[in-house]
N, C-alpha and C. Protein backbone atom coordinates (compact mmCIF):
# COMPACT_ATOMS: atom_id res chain seq x y z
N UNK A 1 -11.29 -64.21 113.94
CA UNK A 1 -11.00 -63.12 112.94
C UNK A 1 -12.02 -63.47 111.91
N UNK A 2 -11.81 -62.74 110.74
CA UNK A 2 -12.77 -62.93 109.65
C UNK A 2 -12.65 -63.88 108.75
N UNK A 3 -13.98 -64.28 108.20
CA UNK A 3 -13.91 -65.64 107.45
C UNK A 3 -13.54 -65.43 105.94
N UNK A 4 -12.95 -66.46 105.45
CA UNK A 4 -12.62 -66.48 103.98
C UNK A 4 -13.26 -67.74 103.32
N UNK A 5 -13.43 -67.62 102.06
CA UNK A 5 -13.79 -68.50 101.30
C UNK A 5 -13.04 -68.76 100.05
N UNK A 6 -13.18 -69.93 99.33
CA UNK A 6 -12.29 -69.95 98.22
C UNK A 6 -12.88 -69.01 96.97
N UNK A 7 -13.89 -68.35 97.14
CA UNK A 7 -14.34 -67.62 95.86
C UNK A 7 -14.04 -66.13 96.42
N UNK A 8 -13.87 -65.75 97.53
CA UNK A 8 -13.79 -64.36 97.82
C UNK A 8 -12.60 -64.10 98.53
N UNK A 9 -12.11 -62.85 98.67
CA UNK A 9 -10.96 -62.38 99.69
C UNK A 9 -11.54 -61.68 100.90
N UNK A 10 -11.28 -61.97 101.97
CA UNK A 10 -11.75 -61.23 103.13
C UNK A 10 -13.01 -61.85 103.64
N UNK A 11 -13.68 -60.84 104.51
CA UNK A 11 -14.96 -61.38 105.02
C UNK A 11 -16.04 -61.43 103.99
N UNK A 12 -17.15 -62.18 104.35
CA UNK A 12 -18.18 -62.06 103.30
C UNK A 12 -19.54 -61.84 104.26
N UNK A 13 -20.48 -61.30 103.67
CA UNK A 13 -21.76 -61.01 104.29
C UNK A 13 -22.85 -62.05 104.33
N UNK A 14 -23.66 -62.18 105.50
CA UNK A 14 -24.78 -63.08 105.48
C UNK A 14 -25.90 -62.52 104.84
N UNK A 15 -25.80 -61.12 104.59
CA UNK A 15 -27.06 -60.53 104.10
C UNK A 15 -26.97 -60.42 102.47
N UNK A 16 -28.09 -60.41 101.63
CA UNK A 16 -28.06 -60.14 100.37
C UNK A 16 -27.77 -58.78 100.00
N UNK A 17 -27.35 -58.45 98.80
CA UNK A 17 -27.00 -57.17 98.29
C UNK A 17 -28.10 -56.33 98.71
N UNK A 18 -29.29 -56.78 98.37
CA UNK A 18 -30.53 -55.83 98.63
C UNK A 18 -30.70 -55.42 100.19
N UNK A 19 -30.74 -56.69 100.98
CA UNK A 19 -30.68 -56.35 102.32
C UNK A 19 -29.73 -55.50 102.87
N UNK A 20 -28.54 -55.66 102.37
CA UNK A 20 -27.39 -54.49 102.87
C UNK A 20 -27.75 -53.25 102.24
N UNK A 21 -27.96 -53.07 101.17
CA UNK A 21 -28.49 -51.79 100.59
C UNK A 21 -29.51 -50.86 101.38
N UNK A 22 -30.39 -51.89 101.97
CA UNK A 22 -31.59 -51.30 102.62
C UNK A 22 -30.98 -50.79 103.98
N UNK A 23 -29.77 -50.99 104.45
CA UNK A 23 -29.28 -50.55 105.69
C UNK A 23 -28.23 -49.45 105.58
N UNK A 24 -28.04 -49.22 104.36
CA UNK A 24 -27.07 -48.03 103.82
C UNK A 24 -27.76 -46.61 104.42
N UNK A 25 -26.93 -45.83 105.26
CA UNK A 25 -27.39 -44.63 105.69
C UNK A 25 -26.93 -43.45 104.70
N UNK A 26 -27.49 -42.29 105.16
CA UNK A 26 -27.26 -41.12 104.33
C UNK A 26 -25.72 -40.78 104.37
N UNK A 27 -25.25 -40.87 105.59
CA UNK A 27 -23.77 -40.62 105.59
C UNK A 27 -22.87 -41.63 104.72
N UNK A 28 -23.34 -42.88 104.48
CA UNK A 28 -22.70 -43.99 103.70
C UNK A 28 -22.89 -43.61 102.32
N UNK A 29 -23.87 -43.12 102.02
CA UNK A 29 -24.34 -42.64 100.60
C UNK A 29 -23.38 -41.61 100.14
N UNK A 30 -23.23 -40.64 101.01
CA UNK A 30 -22.29 -39.48 100.74
C UNK A 30 -20.85 -40.02 100.68
N UNK A 31 -20.31 -41.05 101.42
CA UNK A 31 -19.11 -41.61 101.28
C UNK A 31 -18.87 -42.02 99.97
N UNK A 32 -19.83 -42.81 99.65
CA UNK A 32 -19.76 -43.42 98.35
C UNK A 32 -19.65 -42.50 97.14
N UNK A 33 -20.39 -41.53 97.35
CA UNK A 33 -20.39 -40.20 96.13
C UNK A 33 -19.03 -39.84 96.30
N UNK A 34 -18.41 -39.52 97.28
CA UNK A 34 -17.18 -38.86 97.35
C UNK A 34 -16.04 -39.90 96.82
N UNK A 35 -16.08 -41.16 96.98
CA UNK A 35 -15.12 -42.34 96.68
C UNK A 35 -15.37 -42.62 95.30
N UNK A 36 -16.56 -42.86 94.71
CA UNK A 36 -16.83 -43.16 93.36
C UNK A 36 -17.39 -42.16 92.47
N UNK A 37 -17.52 -41.01 92.84
CA UNK A 37 -17.74 -39.82 92.10
C UNK A 37 -19.12 -39.90 91.44
N UNK A 38 -19.92 -40.55 92.00
CA UNK A 38 -21.43 -40.52 91.44
C UNK A 38 -22.26 -41.32 92.73
N UNK A 39 -23.62 -40.92 92.77
CA UNK A 39 -24.52 -41.38 93.75
C UNK A 39 -24.57 -43.08 93.49
N UNK A 40 -24.92 -43.64 94.63
CA UNK A 40 -24.98 -45.01 94.93
C UNK A 40 -26.32 -45.46 94.15
N UNK A 41 -27.35 -44.62 94.33
CA UNK A 41 -28.61 -45.07 93.79
C UNK A 41 -28.62 -45.03 92.08
N UNK A 42 -27.69 -44.22 91.49
CA UNK A 42 -27.54 -44.13 90.02
C UNK A 42 -26.96 -45.48 89.74
N UNK A 43 -26.03 -45.86 90.36
CA UNK A 43 -25.23 -47.19 90.14
C UNK A 43 -26.12 -48.50 89.84
N UNK A 44 -27.14 -48.46 90.69
CA UNK A 44 -27.99 -49.78 90.62
C UNK A 44 -28.50 -50.09 89.49
N UNK A 45 -28.76 -49.40 88.41
CA UNK A 45 -29.12 -49.68 87.04
C UNK A 45 -28.09 -49.30 85.88
N UNK A 46 -27.42 -48.17 86.11
CA UNK A 46 -26.13 -47.89 85.20
C UNK A 46 -24.96 -48.58 85.16
N UNK A 47 -24.57 -49.21 86.49
CA UNK A 47 -23.44 -49.91 86.54
C UNK A 47 -23.52 -50.85 87.78
N UNK A 48 -24.17 -52.01 87.41
CA UNK A 48 -24.28 -52.94 88.58
C UNK A 48 -23.04 -53.50 89.17
N UNK A 49 -22.02 -53.77 88.30
CA UNK A 49 -20.76 -54.21 88.98
C UNK A 49 -20.20 -53.38 89.87
N UNK A 50 -20.07 -51.92 89.48
CA UNK A 50 -19.54 -50.90 90.51
C UNK A 50 -20.69 -50.78 91.66
N UNK A 51 -21.93 -50.90 91.45
CA UNK A 51 -22.70 -50.89 92.63
C UNK A 51 -22.42 -51.87 93.59
N UNK A 52 -22.34 -53.27 93.34
CA UNK A 52 -21.81 -54.14 94.18
C UNK A 52 -20.50 -53.95 94.65
N UNK A 53 -19.58 -53.36 94.05
CA UNK A 53 -18.44 -53.14 94.54
C UNK A 53 -18.55 -51.86 95.73
N UNK A 54 -19.26 -51.08 95.54
CA UNK A 54 -19.55 -50.09 96.32
C UNK A 54 -20.16 -50.63 97.65
N UNK A 55 -21.11 -51.46 97.41
CA UNK A 55 -21.54 -52.00 98.81
C UNK A 55 -20.59 -53.08 99.59
N UNK A 56 -19.78 -53.72 98.77
CA UNK A 56 -18.66 -54.37 99.52
C UNK A 56 -17.63 -53.46 100.13
N UNK A 57 -17.36 -52.14 99.44
CA UNK A 57 -16.51 -51.14 100.18
C UNK A 57 -17.11 -50.84 101.54
N UNK A 58 -18.57 -50.50 101.43
CA UNK A 58 -19.22 -49.96 102.64
C UNK A 58 -19.13 -51.26 103.63
N UNK A 59 -19.27 -52.36 103.36
CA UNK A 59 -19.29 -53.51 104.29
C UNK A 59 -17.98 -53.63 105.13
N UNK A 60 -16.96 -53.60 104.14
CA UNK A 60 -15.72 -53.52 104.71
C UNK A 60 -15.23 -52.24 105.55
N UNK A 61 -15.66 -51.16 105.07
CA UNK A 61 -15.46 -49.76 105.92
C UNK A 61 -16.25 -50.06 107.23
N UNK A 62 -17.47 -50.59 107.13
CA UNK A 62 -18.22 -50.84 108.47
C UNK A 62 -17.30 -51.70 109.39
N UNK A 63 -16.73 -52.71 108.79
CA UNK A 63 -15.81 -53.50 109.72
C UNK A 63 -14.37 -53.06 110.11
N UNK A 64 -14.29 -51.71 109.74
CA UNK A 64 -13.09 -50.76 109.96
C UNK A 64 -11.76 -51.46 109.43
N UNK A 65 -12.13 -51.99 108.24
CA UNK A 65 -10.91 -52.29 107.47
C UNK A 65 -10.23 -51.00 107.01
N UNK A 66 -8.79 -50.97 107.07
CA UNK A 66 -8.16 -49.66 106.70
C UNK A 66 -7.88 -49.57 105.26
N UNK A 67 -8.22 -50.76 104.66
CA UNK A 67 -7.87 -50.75 103.05
C UNK A 67 -9.15 -51.08 102.52
N UNK A 68 -10.39 -50.67 102.96
CA UNK A 68 -11.59 -51.21 102.29
C UNK A 68 -11.81 -50.75 100.80
N UNK A 69 -11.41 -49.57 100.57
CA UNK A 69 -11.55 -49.20 99.16
C UNK A 69 -10.57 -50.09 98.12
N UNK A 70 -9.48 -50.22 98.50
CA UNK A 70 -8.27 -50.96 97.71
C UNK A 70 -8.80 -52.47 97.65
N UNK A 71 -9.34 -53.09 98.85
CA UNK A 71 -9.69 -54.44 98.76
C UNK A 71 -11.04 -54.73 97.88
N UNK A 72 -11.92 -53.84 97.72
CA UNK A 72 -13.10 -53.73 97.07
C UNK A 72 -13.00 -53.47 95.59
N UNK A 73 -11.87 -52.78 95.33
CA UNK A 73 -11.58 -52.50 93.98
C UNK A 73 -10.67 -53.57 93.49
N UNK A 74 -9.91 -54.14 94.32
CA UNK A 74 -9.02 -55.45 93.72
C UNK A 74 -9.82 -56.64 93.61
N UNK A 75 -11.07 -56.82 93.90
CA UNK A 75 -11.88 -58.06 93.77
C UNK A 75 -12.19 -58.21 92.34
N UNK A 76 -12.31 -59.30 91.83
CA UNK A 76 -13.02 -59.85 90.56
C UNK A 76 -14.50 -59.73 90.38
N UNK A 77 -14.98 -59.53 89.28
CA UNK A 77 -16.62 -59.49 89.34
C UNK A 77 -17.36 -60.69 89.98
N UNK A 78 -16.63 -62.00 89.80
CA UNK A 78 -17.00 -63.04 90.46
C UNK A 78 -16.87 -63.08 91.96
N UNK A 79 -15.76 -62.49 92.55
CA UNK A 79 -15.68 -62.50 93.80
C UNK A 79 -16.56 -61.22 94.43
N UNK A 80 -16.99 -60.30 93.69
CA UNK A 80 -17.96 -59.37 94.21
C UNK A 80 -19.25 -59.90 94.28
N UNK A 81 -19.78 -60.59 93.27
CA UNK A 81 -21.00 -61.27 93.26
C UNK A 81 -21.13 -62.27 94.32
N UNK A 82 -19.93 -62.89 94.67
CA UNK A 82 -20.09 -63.98 95.57
C UNK A 82 -20.16 -63.44 97.01
N UNK A 83 -19.76 -62.18 97.13
CA UNK A 83 -19.42 -61.44 98.64
C UNK A 83 -20.81 -61.54 99.41
N UNK A 84 -21.92 -61.35 98.65
CA UNK A 84 -23.20 -61.16 99.45
C UNK A 84 -23.89 -62.50 99.21
N UNK A 85 -24.76 -62.70 100.20
CA UNK A 85 -25.65 -64.01 100.14
C UNK A 85 -26.29 -64.01 99.01
N UNK A 86 -26.86 -65.35 98.49
CA UNK A 86 -27.58 -65.53 97.11
C UNK A 86 -29.04 -65.16 97.54
N UNK A 87 -29.63 -64.45 96.90
CA UNK A 87 -30.94 -64.09 97.18
C UNK A 87 -32.06 -65.27 96.90
N UNK A 88 -31.51 -66.18 95.98
CA UNK A 88 -32.45 -67.37 95.77
C UNK A 88 -32.47 -68.38 96.89
N UNK A 89 -31.20 -68.47 97.73
CA UNK A 89 -31.14 -69.24 98.97
C UNK A 89 -32.47 -68.83 99.93
N UNK A 90 -32.45 -67.48 100.14
CA UNK A 90 -33.57 -66.90 101.15
C UNK A 90 -35.11 -67.52 100.56
N UNK A 91 -35.22 -67.43 99.29
CA UNK A 91 -36.52 -67.76 98.75
C UNK A 91 -36.81 -69.45 98.61
N UNK A 92 -35.74 -70.04 98.29
CA UNK A 92 -35.98 -71.51 98.36
C UNK A 92 -36.08 -72.28 99.68
N UNK A 93 -35.35 -71.77 100.71
CA UNK A 93 -35.65 -72.42 102.05
C UNK A 93 -34.89 -73.84 102.00
N UNK A 94 -34.98 -74.64 102.91
CA UNK A 94 -34.36 -75.86 103.03
C UNK A 94 -35.12 -77.11 102.02
N UNK A 95 -34.56 -77.86 101.57
CA UNK A 95 -35.21 -78.96 100.72
C UNK A 95 -35.49 -80.13 101.53
C-alpha cells in the first residue's frame, strides 16, 4: 500500500515540487482551476502554500485517491512542504 511518514499523512512523492509541476498536463491545470477557482500558474508566486496544496491534490488524484481534495486541504503547511522531495537533496548528492 502507500507509504506514510511521521511528518505527512498518506503517500509522499519522490519528485521535488518543481519536477512534479513539470509533469502537470493541461487537463490537470483545468482541474485545479475548477477546484481552486484560479489558475495553477498564478498560484506559484501569489499563493505558494495553495500552489503546493494543489500539487499534492493532483498527486493524490493521480493515485486515484477518492478524497484527494479533502486530504490535501486537511494537511498542515508543514505536511504540505514535507510531501515532495527536498530540492537541496538533489543538489547535494551523497556526502
